[in-house]
mmCIF file of all heavy atoms, coordinates in Angstrom:
data_MODEL
# 
_entry.id   MODEL 
# 
loop_
_atom_site.group_PDB 
_atom_site.id 
_atom_site.type_symbol 
_atom_site.label_atom_id 
_atom_site.label_alt_id 
_atom_site.label_comp_id 
_atom_site.label_asym_id 
_atom_site.label_entity_id 
_atom_site.label_seq_id 
_atom_site.pdbx_PDB_ins_code 
_atom_site.Cartn_x 
_atom_site.Cartn_y 
_atom_site.Cartn_z 
_atom_site.occupancy 
_atom_site.B_iso_or_equiv 
_atom_site.pdbx_formal_charge 
_atom_site.auth_seq_id 
_atom_site.auth_comp_id 
_atom_site.auth_asym_id 
_atom_site.auth_atom_id 
_atom_site.pdbx_PDB_model_num 
ATOM 1   N N   . GLY A 1 1  ? 109.074 107.954 107.583 1.00 0.00 ? 1  GLY A N   1 
ATOM 2   C CA  . GLY A 1 1  ? 108.723 109.343 107.259 1.00 0.00 ? 1  GLY A CA  1 
ATOM 3   C C   . GLY A 1 1  ? 107.258 109.609 107.521 1.00 0.00 ? 1  GLY A C   1 
ATOM 4   O O   . GLY A 1 1  ? 106.534 108.759 108.024 1.00 0.00 ? 1  GLY A O   1 
ATOM 5   N N   . ARG A 1 2  ? 106.800 110.784 107.115 1.00 0.00 ? 2  ARG A N   1 
ATOM 6   C CA  . ARG A 1 2  ? 105.402 111.154 107.391 1.00 0.00 ? 2  ARG A CA  1 
ATOM 7   C C   . ARG A 1 2  ? 104.432 110.343 106.528 1.00 0.00 ? 2  ARG A C   1 
ATOM 8   O O   . ARG A 1 2  ? 103.277 110.164 106.882 1.00 0.00 ? 2  ARG A O   1 
ATOM 9   C CB  . ARG A 1 2  ? 105.198 112.660 107.180 1.00 0.00 ? 2  ARG A CB  1 
ATOM 10  C CG  . ARG A 1 2  ? 105.488 113.089 105.754 1.00 0.00 ? 2  ARG A CG  1 
ATOM 11  C CD  . ARG A 1 2  ? 105.108 114.515 105.422 1.00 0.00 ? 2  ARG A CD  1 
ATOM 12  N NE  . ARG A 1 2  ? 105.222 114.682 103.984 1.00 0.00 ? 2  ARG A NE  1 
ATOM 13  C CZ  . ARG A 1 2  ? 106.321 115.146 103.395 1.00 0.00 ? 2  ARG A CZ  1 
ATOM 14  N NH1 . ARG A 1 2  ? 107.366 115.496 104.113 1.00 0.00 ? 2  ARG A NH1 1 
ATOM 15  N NH2 . ARG A 1 2  ? 106.369 115.246 102.077 1.00 0.00 ? 2  ARG A NH2 1 
ATOM 16  N N   . ASP A 1 3  ? 104.891 109.882 105.379 1.00 0.00 ? 3  ASP A N   1 
ATOM 17  C CA  . ASP A 1 3  ? 104.053 109.017 104.531 1.00 0.00 ? 3  ASP A CA  1 
ATOM 18  C C   . ASP A 1 3  ? 104.985 108.218 103.631 1.00 0.00 ? 3  ASP A C   1 
ATOM 19  O O   . ASP A 1 3  ? 106.203 108.228 103.823 1.00 0.00 ? 3  ASP A O   1 
ATOM 20  C CB  . ASP A 1 3  ? 103.024 109.843 103.726 1.00 0.00 ? 3  ASP A CB  1 
ATOM 21  C CG  . ASP A 1 3  ? 103.670 110.788 102.713 1.00 0.00 ? 3  ASP A CG  1 
ATOM 22  O OD1 . ASP A 1 3  ? 104.870 110.634 102.404 1.00 0.00 ? 3  ASP A OD1 1 
ATOM 23  O OD2 . ASP A 1 3  ? 102.949 111.677 102.200 1.00 0.00 ? 3  ASP A OD2 1 
ATOM 24  N N   . GLY A 1 4  ? 104.423 107.540 102.651 1.00 0.00 ? 4  GLY A N   1 
ATOM 25  C CA  . GLY A 1 4  ? 105.234 106.688 101.783 1.00 0.00 ? 4  GLY A CA  1 
ATOM 26  C C   . GLY A 1 4  ? 106.131 107.422 100.811 1.00 0.00 ? 4  GLY A C   1 
ATOM 27  O O   . GLY A 1 4  ? 106.824 106.798 100.009 1.00 0.00 ? 4  GLY A O   1 
ATOM 28  N N   . CYS A 1 5  ? 106.142 108.763 100.865 1.00 0.00 ? 5  CYS A N   1 
ATOM 29  C CA  . CYS A 1 5  ? 106.979 109.566 99.970  1.00 0.00 ? 5  CYS A CA  1 
ATOM 30  C C   . CYS A 1 5  ? 108.138 110.234 100.711 1.00 0.00 ? 5  CYS A C   1 
ATOM 31  O O   . CYS A 1 5  ? 108.769 111.151 100.189 1.00 0.00 ? 5  CYS A O   1 
ATOM 32  C CB  . CYS A 1 5  ? 106.133 110.615 99.257  1.00 0.00 ? 5  CYS A CB  1 
ATOM 33  S SG  . CYS A 1 5  ? 105.042 109.895 97.994  1.00 0.00 ? 5  CYS A SG  1 
ATOM 34  N N   . ALA A 1 6  ? 108.423 109.774 101.925 1.00 0.00 ? 6  ALA A N   1 
ATOM 35  C CA  . ALA A 1 6  ? 109.542 110.335 102.690 1.00 0.00 ? 6  ALA A CA  1 
ATOM 36  C C   . ALA A 1 6  ? 110.063 109.272 103.656 1.00 0.00 ? 6  ALA A C   1 
ATOM 37  O O   . ALA A 1 6  ? 109.280 108.482 104.182 1.00 0.00 ? 6  ALA A O   1 
ATOM 38  C CB  . ALA A 1 6  ? 109.092 111.561 103.469 1.00 0.00 ? 6  ALA A CB  1 
ATOM 39  N N   . GLY A 1 7  ? 111.376 109.260 103.848 1.00 0.00 ? 7  GLY A N   1 
ATOM 40  C CA  . GLY A 1 7  ? 111.928 108.357 104.852 1.00 0.00 ? 7  GLY A CA  1 
ATOM 41  C C   . GLY A 1 7  ? 113.214 107.694 104.422 1.00 0.00 ? 7  GLY A C   1 
ATOM 42  O O   . GLY A 1 7  ? 113.851 108.094 103.439 1.00 0.00 ? 7  GLY A O   1 
ATOM 43  N N   . ARG A 1 8  ? 113.592 106.680 105.174 1.00 0.00 ? 8  ARG A N   1 
ATOM 44  C CA  . ARG A 1 8  ? 114.799 105.906 104.869 1.00 0.00 ? 8  ARG A CA  1 
ATOM 45  C C   . ARG A 1 8  ? 114.508 104.984 103.678 1.00 0.00 ? 8  ARG A C   1 
ATOM 46  O O   . ARG A 1 8  ? 113.461 104.346 103.613 1.00 0.00 ? 8  ARG A O   1 
ATOM 47  C CB  . ARG A 1 8  ? 115.199 105.074 106.094 1.00 0.00 ? 8  ARG A CB  1 
ATOM 48  C CG  . ARG A 1 8  ? 116.511 104.328 105.912 1.00 0.00 ? 8  ARG A CG  1 
ATOM 49  C CD  . ARG A 1 8  ? 116.962 103.607 107.181 1.00 0.00 ? 8  ARG A CD  1 
ATOM 50  N NE  . ARG A 1 8  ? 115.900 102.785 107.722 1.00 0.00 ? 8  ARG A NE  1 
ATOM 51  C CZ  . ARG A 1 8  ? 115.348 102.971 108.921 1.00 0.00 ? 8  ARG A CZ  1 
ATOM 52  N NH1 . ARG A 1 8  ? 115.760 103.933 109.719 1.00 0.00 ? 8  ARG A NH1 1 
ATOM 53  N NH2 . ARG A 1 8  ? 114.383 102.184 109.320 1.00 0.00 ? 8  ARG A NH2 1 
ATOM 54  N N   . VAL A 1 9  ? 115.454 104.913 102.728 1.00 0.00 ? 9  VAL A N   1 
ATOM 55  C CA  . VAL A 1 9  ? 115.269 104.088 101.527 1.00 0.00 ? 9  VAL A CA  1 
ATOM 56  C C   . VAL A 1 9  ? 115.548 102.621 101.870 1.00 0.00 ? 9  VAL A C   1 
ATOM 57  O O   . VAL A 1 9  ? 116.622 102.290 102.375 1.00 0.00 ? 9  VAL A O   1 
ATOM 58  C CB  . VAL A 1 9  ? 116.222 104.541 100.396 1.00 0.00 ? 9  VAL A CB  1 
ATOM 59  C CG1 . VAL A 1 9  ? 115.990 103.697 99.146  1.00 0.00 ? 9  VAL A CG1 1 
ATOM 60  C CG2 . VAL A 1 9  ? 116.033 106.030 100.093 1.00 0.00 ? 9  VAL A CG2 1 
ATOM 61  N N   . GLU A 1 10 ? 114.577 101.762 101.598 1.00 0.00 ? 10 GLU A N   1 
ATOM 62  C CA  . GLU A 1 10 ? 114.743 100.325 101.829 1.00 0.00 ? 10 GLU A CA  1 
ATOM 63  C C   . GLU A 1 10 ? 114.388 99.578  100.549 1.00 0.00 ? 10 GLU A C   1 
ATOM 64  O O   . GLU A 1 10 ? 113.456 99.949  99.836  1.00 0.00 ? 10 GLU A O   1 
ATOM 65  C CB  . GLU A 1 10 ? 113.866 99.869  102.999 1.00 0.00 ? 10 GLU A CB  1 
ATOM 66  C CG  . GLU A 1 10 ? 114.276 100.535 104.312 1.00 0.00 ? 10 GLU A CG  1 
ATOM 67  C CD  . GLU A 1 10 ? 113.405 100.178 105.508 1.00 0.00 ? 10 GLU A CD  1 
ATOM 68  O OE1 . GLU A 1 10 ? 112.389 99.482  105.323 1.00 0.00 ? 10 GLU A OE1 1 
ATOM 69  O OE2 . GLU A 1 10 ? 113.760 100.611 106.633 1.00 0.00 ? 10 GLU A OE2 1 
ATOM 70  N N   . VAL A 1 11 ? 115.170 98.545  100.253 1.00 0.00 ? 11 VAL A N   1 
ATOM 71  C CA  . VAL A 1 11 ? 114.974 97.762  99.029  1.00 0.00 ? 11 VAL A CA  1 
ATOM 72  C C   . VAL A 1 11 ? 114.703 96.307  99.387  1.00 0.00 ? 11 VAL A C   1 
ATOM 73  O O   . VAL A 1 11 ? 115.375 95.739  100.254 1.00 0.00 ? 11 VAL A O   1 
ATOM 74  C CB  . VAL A 1 11 ? 116.202 97.873  98.080  1.00 0.00 ? 11 VAL A CB  1 
ATOM 75  C CG1 . VAL A 1 11 ? 117.502 97.476  98.770  1.00 0.00 ? 11 VAL A CG1 1 
ATOM 76  C CG2 . VAL A 1 11 ? 115.996 97.031  96.806  1.00 0.00 ? 11 VAL A CG2 1 
ATOM 77  N N   . PHE A 1 12 ? 113.696 95.722  98.736  1.00 0.00 ? 12 PHE A N   1 
ATOM 78  C CA  . PHE A 1 12 ? 113.421 94.289  98.878  1.00 0.00 ? 12 PHE A CA  1 
ATOM 79  C C   . PHE A 1 12 ? 114.141 93.575  97.744  1.00 0.00 ? 12 PHE A C   1 
ATOM 80  O O   . PHE A 1 12 ? 113.899 93.839  96.566  1.00 0.00 ? 12 PHE A O   1 
ATOM 81  C CB  . PHE A 1 12 ? 111.921 94.009  98.794  1.00 0.00 ? 12 PHE A CB  1 
ATOM 82  C CG  . PHE A 1 12 ? 111.574 92.564  99.023  1.00 0.00 ? 12 PHE A CG  1 
ATOM 83  C CD1 . PHE A 1 12 ? 111.550 92.041  100.307 1.00 0.00 ? 12 PHE A CD1 1 
ATOM 84  C CD2 . PHE A 1 12 ? 111.281 91.730  97.958  1.00 0.00 ? 12 PHE A CD2 1 
ATOM 85  C CE1 . PHE A 1 12 ? 111.240 90.698  100.525 1.00 0.00 ? 12 PHE A CE1 1 
ATOM 86  C CE2 . PHE A 1 12 ? 110.974 90.390  98.160  1.00 0.00 ? 12 PHE A CE2 1 
ATOM 87  C CZ  . PHE A 1 12 ? 110.947 89.878  99.456  1.00 0.00 ? 12 PHE A CZ  1 
ATOM 88  N N   . PHE A 1 13 ? 115.076 92.706  98.091  1.00 0.00 ? 13 PHE A N   1 
ATOM 89  C CA  . PHE A 1 13 ? 115.915 92.049  97.086  1.00 0.00 ? 13 PHE A CA  1 
ATOM 90  C C   . PHE A 1 13 ? 116.393 90.717  97.657  1.00 0.00 ? 13 PHE A C   1 
ATOM 91  O O   . PHE A 1 13 ? 116.778 90.636  98.816  1.00 0.00 ? 13 PHE A O   1 
ATOM 92  C CB  . PHE A 1 13 ? 117.109 92.957  96.769  1.00 0.00 ? 13 PHE A CB  1 
ATOM 93  C CG  . PHE A 1 13 ? 118.074 92.414  95.750  1.00 0.00 ? 13 PHE A CG  1 
ATOM 94  C CD1 . PHE A 1 13 ? 117.666 92.136  94.455  1.00 0.00 ? 13 PHE A CD1 1 
ATOM 95  C CD2 . PHE A 1 13 ? 119.392 92.170  96.084  1.00 0.00 ? 13 PHE A CD2 1 
ATOM 96  C CE1 . PHE A 1 13 ? 118.545 91.651  93.512  1.00 0.00 ? 13 PHE A CE1 1 
ATOM 97  C CE2 . PHE A 1 13 ? 120.290 91.675  95.148  1.00 0.00 ? 13 PHE A CE2 1 
ATOM 98  C CZ  . PHE A 1 13 ? 119.859 91.412  93.862  1.00 0.00 ? 13 PHE A CZ  1 
ATOM 99  N N   . ARG A 1 14 ? 116.332 89.665  96.833  1.00 0.00 ? 14 ARG A N   1 
ATOM 100 C CA  . ARG A 1 14 ? 116.722 88.317  97.266  1.00 0.00 ? 14 ARG A CA  1 
ATOM 101 C C   . ARG A 1 14 ? 116.014 87.890  98.547  1.00 0.00 ? 14 ARG A C   1 
ATOM 102 O O   . ARG A 1 14 ? 116.608 87.296  99.439  1.00 0.00 ? 14 ARG A O   1 
ATOM 103 C CB  . ARG A 1 14 ? 118.240 88.212  97.401  1.00 0.00 ? 14 ARG A CB  1 
ATOM 104 C CG  . ARG A 1 14 ? 118.908 88.389  96.035  1.00 0.00 ? 14 ARG A CG  1 
ATOM 105 C CD  . ARG A 1 14 ? 120.394 88.159  95.985  1.00 0.00 ? 14 ARG A CD  1 
ATOM 106 N NE  . ARG A 1 14 ? 120.843 88.462  94.624  1.00 0.00 ? 14 ARG A NE  1 
ATOM 107 C CZ  . ARG A 1 14 ? 122.082 88.773  94.290  1.00 0.00 ? 14 ARG A CZ  1 
ATOM 108 N NH1 . ARG A 1 14 ? 123.032 88.807  95.194  1.00 0.00 ? 14 ARG A NH1 1 
ATOM 109 N NH2 . ARG A 1 14 ? 122.381 89.025  93.030  1.00 0.00 ? 14 ARG A NH2 1 
ATOM 110 N N   . GLY A 1 15 ? 114.736 88.251  98.618  1.00 0.00 ? 15 GLY A N   1 
ATOM 111 C CA  . GLY A 1 15 ? 113.890 87.735  99.689  1.00 0.00 ? 15 GLY A CA  1 
ATOM 112 C C   . GLY A 1 15 ? 113.956 88.483  101.005 1.00 0.00 ? 15 GLY A C   1 
ATOM 113 O O   . GLY A 1 15 ? 113.371 88.037  101.990 1.00 0.00 ? 15 GLY A O   1 
ATOM 114 N N   . THR A 1 16 ? 114.652 89.636  101.067 1.00 0.00 ? 16 THR A N   1 
ATOM 115 C CA  . THR A 1 16 ? 114.760 90.337  102.339 1.00 0.00 ? 16 THR A CA  1 
ATOM 116 C C   . THR A 1 16 ? 114.827 91.852  102.120 1.00 0.00 ? 16 THR A C   1 
ATOM 117 O O   . THR A 1 16 ? 115.191 92.310  101.042 1.00 0.00 ? 16 THR A O   1 
ATOM 118 C CB  . THR A 1 16 ? 116.011 89.848  103.118 1.00 0.00 ? 16 THR A CB  1 
ATOM 119 O OG1 . THR A 1 16 ? 116.041 90.495  104.382 1.00 0.00 ? 16 THR A OG1 1 
ATOM 120 C CG2 . THR A 1 16 ? 117.295 90.126  102.387 1.00 0.00 ? 16 THR A CG2 1 
ATOM 121 N N   . TRP A 1 17 ? 114.457 92.621  103.140 1.00 0.00 ? 17 TRP A N   1 
ATOM 122 C CA  . TRP A 1 17 ? 114.551 94.079  103.076 1.00 0.00 ? 17 TRP A CA  1 
ATOM 123 C C   . TRP A 1 17 ? 115.935 94.519  103.525 1.00 0.00 ? 17 TRP A C   1 
ATOM 124 O O   . TRP A 1 17 ? 116.452 94.012  104.522 1.00 0.00 ? 17 TRP A O   1 
ATOM 125 C CB  . TRP A 1 17 ? 113.481 94.741  103.937 1.00 0.00 ? 17 TRP A CB  1 
ATOM 126 C CG  . TRP A 1 17 ? 112.122 94.664  103.323 1.00 0.00 ? 17 TRP A CG  1 
ATOM 127 C CD1 . TRP A 1 17 ? 111.144 93.740  103.594 1.00 0.00 ? 17 TRP A CD1 1 
ATOM 128 C CD2 . TRP A 1 17 ? 111.579 95.525  102.309 1.00 0.00 ? 17 TRP A CD2 1 
ATOM 129 N NE1 . TRP A 1 17 ? 110.041 93.983  102.807 1.00 0.00 ? 17 TRP A NE1 1 
ATOM 130 C CE2 . TRP A 1 17 ? 110.273 95.060  102.020 1.00 0.00 ? 17 TRP A CE2 1 
ATOM 131 C CE3 . TRP A 1 17 ? 112.080 96.635  101.626 1.00 0.00 ? 17 TRP A CE3 1 
ATOM 132 C CZ2 . TRP A 1 17 ? 109.456 95.675  101.070 1.00 0.00 ? 17 TRP A CZ2 1 
ATOM 133 C CZ3 . TRP A 1 17 ? 111.265 97.249  100.681 1.00 0.00 ? 17 TRP A CZ3 1 
ATOM 134 C CH2 . TRP A 1 17 ? 109.974 96.772  100.406 1.00 0.00 ? 17 TRP A CH2 1 
ATOM 135 N N   . SER A 1 18 ? 116.554 95.450  102.804 1.00 0.00 ? 18 SER A N   1 
ATOM 136 C CA  . SER A 1 18 ? 117.877 95.981  103.121 1.00 0.00 ? 18 SER A CA  1 
ATOM 137 C C   . SER A 1 18 ? 117.842 97.500  103.015 1.00 0.00 ? 18 SER A C   1 
ATOM 138 O O   . SER A 1 18 ? 116.933 98.069  102.409 1.00 0.00 ? 18 SER A O   1 
ATOM 139 C CB  . SER A 1 18 ? 118.921 95.443  102.133 1.00 0.00 ? 18 SER A CB  1 
ATOM 140 O OG  . SER A 1 18 ? 119.017 94.030  102.227 1.00 0.00 ? 18 SER A OG  1 
ATOM 141 N N   . THR A 1 19 ? 118.861 98.158  103.595 1.00 0.00 ? 19 THR A N   1 
ATOM 142 C CA  . THR A 1 19 ? 118.971 99.609  103.450 1.00 0.00 ? 19 THR A CA  1 
ATOM 143 C C   . THR A 1 19 ? 119.887 99.925  102.266 1.00 0.00 ? 19 THR A C   1 
ATOM 144 O O   . THR A 1 19 ? 120.552 99.050  101.714 1.00 0.00 ? 19 THR A O   1 
ATOM 145 C CB  . THR A 1 19 ? 119.527 100.273 104.730 1.00 0.00 ? 19 THR A CB  1 
ATOM 146 O OG1 . THR A 1 19 ? 120.627 99.519  105.205 1.00 0.00 ? 19 THR A OG1 1 
ATOM 147 C CG2 . THR A 1 19 ? 118.475 100.356 105.803 1.00 0.00 ? 19 THR A CG2 1 
ATOM 148 N N   . VAL A 1 20 ? 119.899 101.193 101.875 1.00 0.00 ? 20 VAL A N   1 
ATOM 149 C CA  . VAL A 1 20 ? 120.695 101.665 100.742 1.00 0.00 ? 20 VAL A CA  1 
ATOM 150 C C   . VAL A 1 20 ? 121.755 102.619 101.290 1.00 0.00 ? 20 VAL A C   1 
ATOM 151 O O   . VAL A 1 20 ? 121.445 103.493 102.111 1.00 0.00 ? 20 VAL A O   1 
ATOM 152 C CB  . VAL A 1 20 ? 119.790 102.374 99.707  1.00 0.00 ? 20 VAL A CB  1 
ATOM 153 C CG1 . VAL A 1 20 ? 120.617 103.030 98.599  1.00 0.00 ? 20 VAL A CG1 1 
ATOM 154 C CG2 . VAL A 1 20 ? 118.798 101.365 99.113  1.00 0.00 ? 20 VAL A CG2 1 
ATOM 155 N N   . CYS A 1 21 ? 123.003 102.447 100.862 1.00 0.00 ? 21 CYS A N   1 
ATOM 156 C CA  . CYS A 1 21 ? 124.101 103.295 101.352 1.00 0.00 ? 21 CYS A CA  1 
ATOM 157 C C   . CYS A 1 21 ? 124.055 104.659 100.660 1.00 0.00 ? 21 CYS A C   1 
ATOM 158 O O   . CYS A 1 21 ? 123.771 104.737 99.465  1.00 0.00 ? 21 CYS A O   1 
ATOM 159 C CB  . CYS A 1 21 ? 125.442 102.638 101.047 1.00 0.00 ? 21 CYS A CB  1 
ATOM 160 S SG  . CYS A 1 21 ? 125.580 100.997 101.759 1.00 0.00 ? 21 CYS A SG  1 
ATOM 161 N N   . ASN A 1 22 ? 124.406 105.725 101.408 1.00 0.00 ? 22 ASN A N   1 
ATOM 162 C CA  . ASN A 1 22 ? 124.341 107.060 100.803 1.00 0.00 ? 22 ASN A CA  1 
ATOM 163 C C   . ASN A 1 22 ? 125.661 107.484 100.162 1.00 0.00 ? 22 ASN A C   1 
ATOM 164 O O   . ASN A 1 22 ? 125.800 108.619 99.727  1.00 0.00 ? 22 ASN A O   1 
ATOM 165 C CB  . ASN A 1 22 ? 123.860 108.098 101.821 1.00 0.00 ? 22 ASN A CB  1 
ATOM 166 C CG  . ASN A 1 22 ? 124.904 108.448 102.867 1.00 0.00 ? 22 ASN A CG  1 
ATOM 167 O OD1 . ASN A 1 22 ? 125.945 107.793 102.965 1.00 0.00 ? 22 ASN A OD1 1 
ATOM 168 N ND2 . ASN A 1 22 ? 124.618 109.458 103.670 1.00 0.00 ? 22 ASN A ND2 1 
ATOM 169 N N   . SER A 1 23 ? 126.619 106.558 100.070 1.00 0.00 ? 23 SER A N   1 
ATOM 170 C CA  . SER A 1 23 ? 127.925 106.911 99.493  1.00 0.00 ? 23 SER A CA  1 
ATOM 171 C C   . SER A 1 23 ? 127.813 107.339 98.032  1.00 0.00 ? 23 SER A C   1 
ATOM 172 O O   . SER A 1 23 ? 128.624 108.129 97.551  1.00 0.00 ? 23 SER A O   1 
ATOM 173 C CB  . SER A 1 23 ? 128.900 105.735 99.629  1.00 0.00 ? 23 SER A CB  1 
ATOM 174 O OG  . SER A 1 23 ? 128.290 104.533 99.226  1.00 0.00 ? 23 SER A OG  1 
ATOM 175 N N   . THR A 1 24 ? 126.831 106.841 97.311  1.00 0.00 ? 24 THR A N   1 
ATOM 176 C CA  . THR A 1 24 ? 126.614 107.257 95.914  1.00 0.00 ? 24 THR A CA  1 
ATOM 177 C C   . THR A 1 24 ? 125.166 107.724 95.721  1.00 0.00 ? 24 THR A C   1 
ATOM 178 O O   . THR A 1 24 ? 124.605 107.605 94.634  1.00 0.00 ? 24 THR A O   1 
ATOM 179 C CB  . THR A 1 24 ? 126.908 106.105 94.926  1.00 0.00 ? 24 THR A CB  1 
ATOM 180 O OG1 . THR A 1 24 ? 126.116 104.964 95.303  1.00 0.00 ? 24 THR A OG1 1 
ATOM 181 C CG2 . THR A 1 24 ? 128.380 105.711 94.946  1.00 0.00 ? 24 THR A CG2 1 
ATOM 182 N N   . TRP A 1 25 ? 124.549 108.212 96.784  1.00 0.00 ? 25 TRP A N   1 
ATOM 183 C CA  . TRP A 1 25 ? 123.128 108.604 96.738  1.00 0.00 ? 25 TRP A CA  1 
ATOM 184 C C   . TRP A 1 25 ? 123.022 110.105 96.493  1.00 0.00 ? 25 TRP A C   1 
ATOM 185 O O   . TRP A 1 25 ? 123.100 110.916 97.409  1.00 0.00 ? 25 TRP A O   1 
ATOM 186 C CB  . TRP A 1 25 ? 122.451 108.213 98.050  1.00 0.00 ? 25 TRP A CB  1 
ATOM 187 C CG  . TRP A 1 25 ? 120.962 108.411 98.054  1.00 0.00 ? 25 TRP A CG  1 
ATOM 188 C CD1 . TRP A 1 25 ? 120.265 109.371 98.729  1.00 0.00 ? 25 TRP A CD1 1 
ATOM 189 C CD2 . TRP A 1 25 ? 119.986 107.629 97.365  1.00 0.00 ? 25 TRP A CD2 1 
ATOM 190 N NE1 . TRP A 1 25 ? 118.907 109.244 98.484  1.00 0.00 ? 25 TRP A NE1 1 
ATOM 191 C CE2 . TRP A 1 25 ? 118.713 108.175 97.650  1.00 0.00 ? 25 TRP A CE2 1 
ATOM 192 C CE3 . TRP A 1 25 ? 120.064 106.522 96.504  1.00 0.00 ? 25 TRP A CE3 1 
ATOM 193 C CZ2 . TRP A 1 25 ? 117.539 107.655 97.132  1.00 0.00 ? 25 TRP A CZ2 1 
ATOM 194 C CZ3 . TRP A 1 25 ? 118.891 106.005 95.989  1.00 0.00 ? 25 TRP A CZ3 1 
ATOM 195 C CH2 . TRP A 1 25 ? 117.649 106.562 96.292  1.00 0.00 ? 25 TRP A CH2 1 
# 
């Protein structure tokens, strides 16, 4: 996104970065 307050949601968990599904977002 344009800065750290916009963009694709990514989570660091169990040692790696992953994306978040929008099925319940």
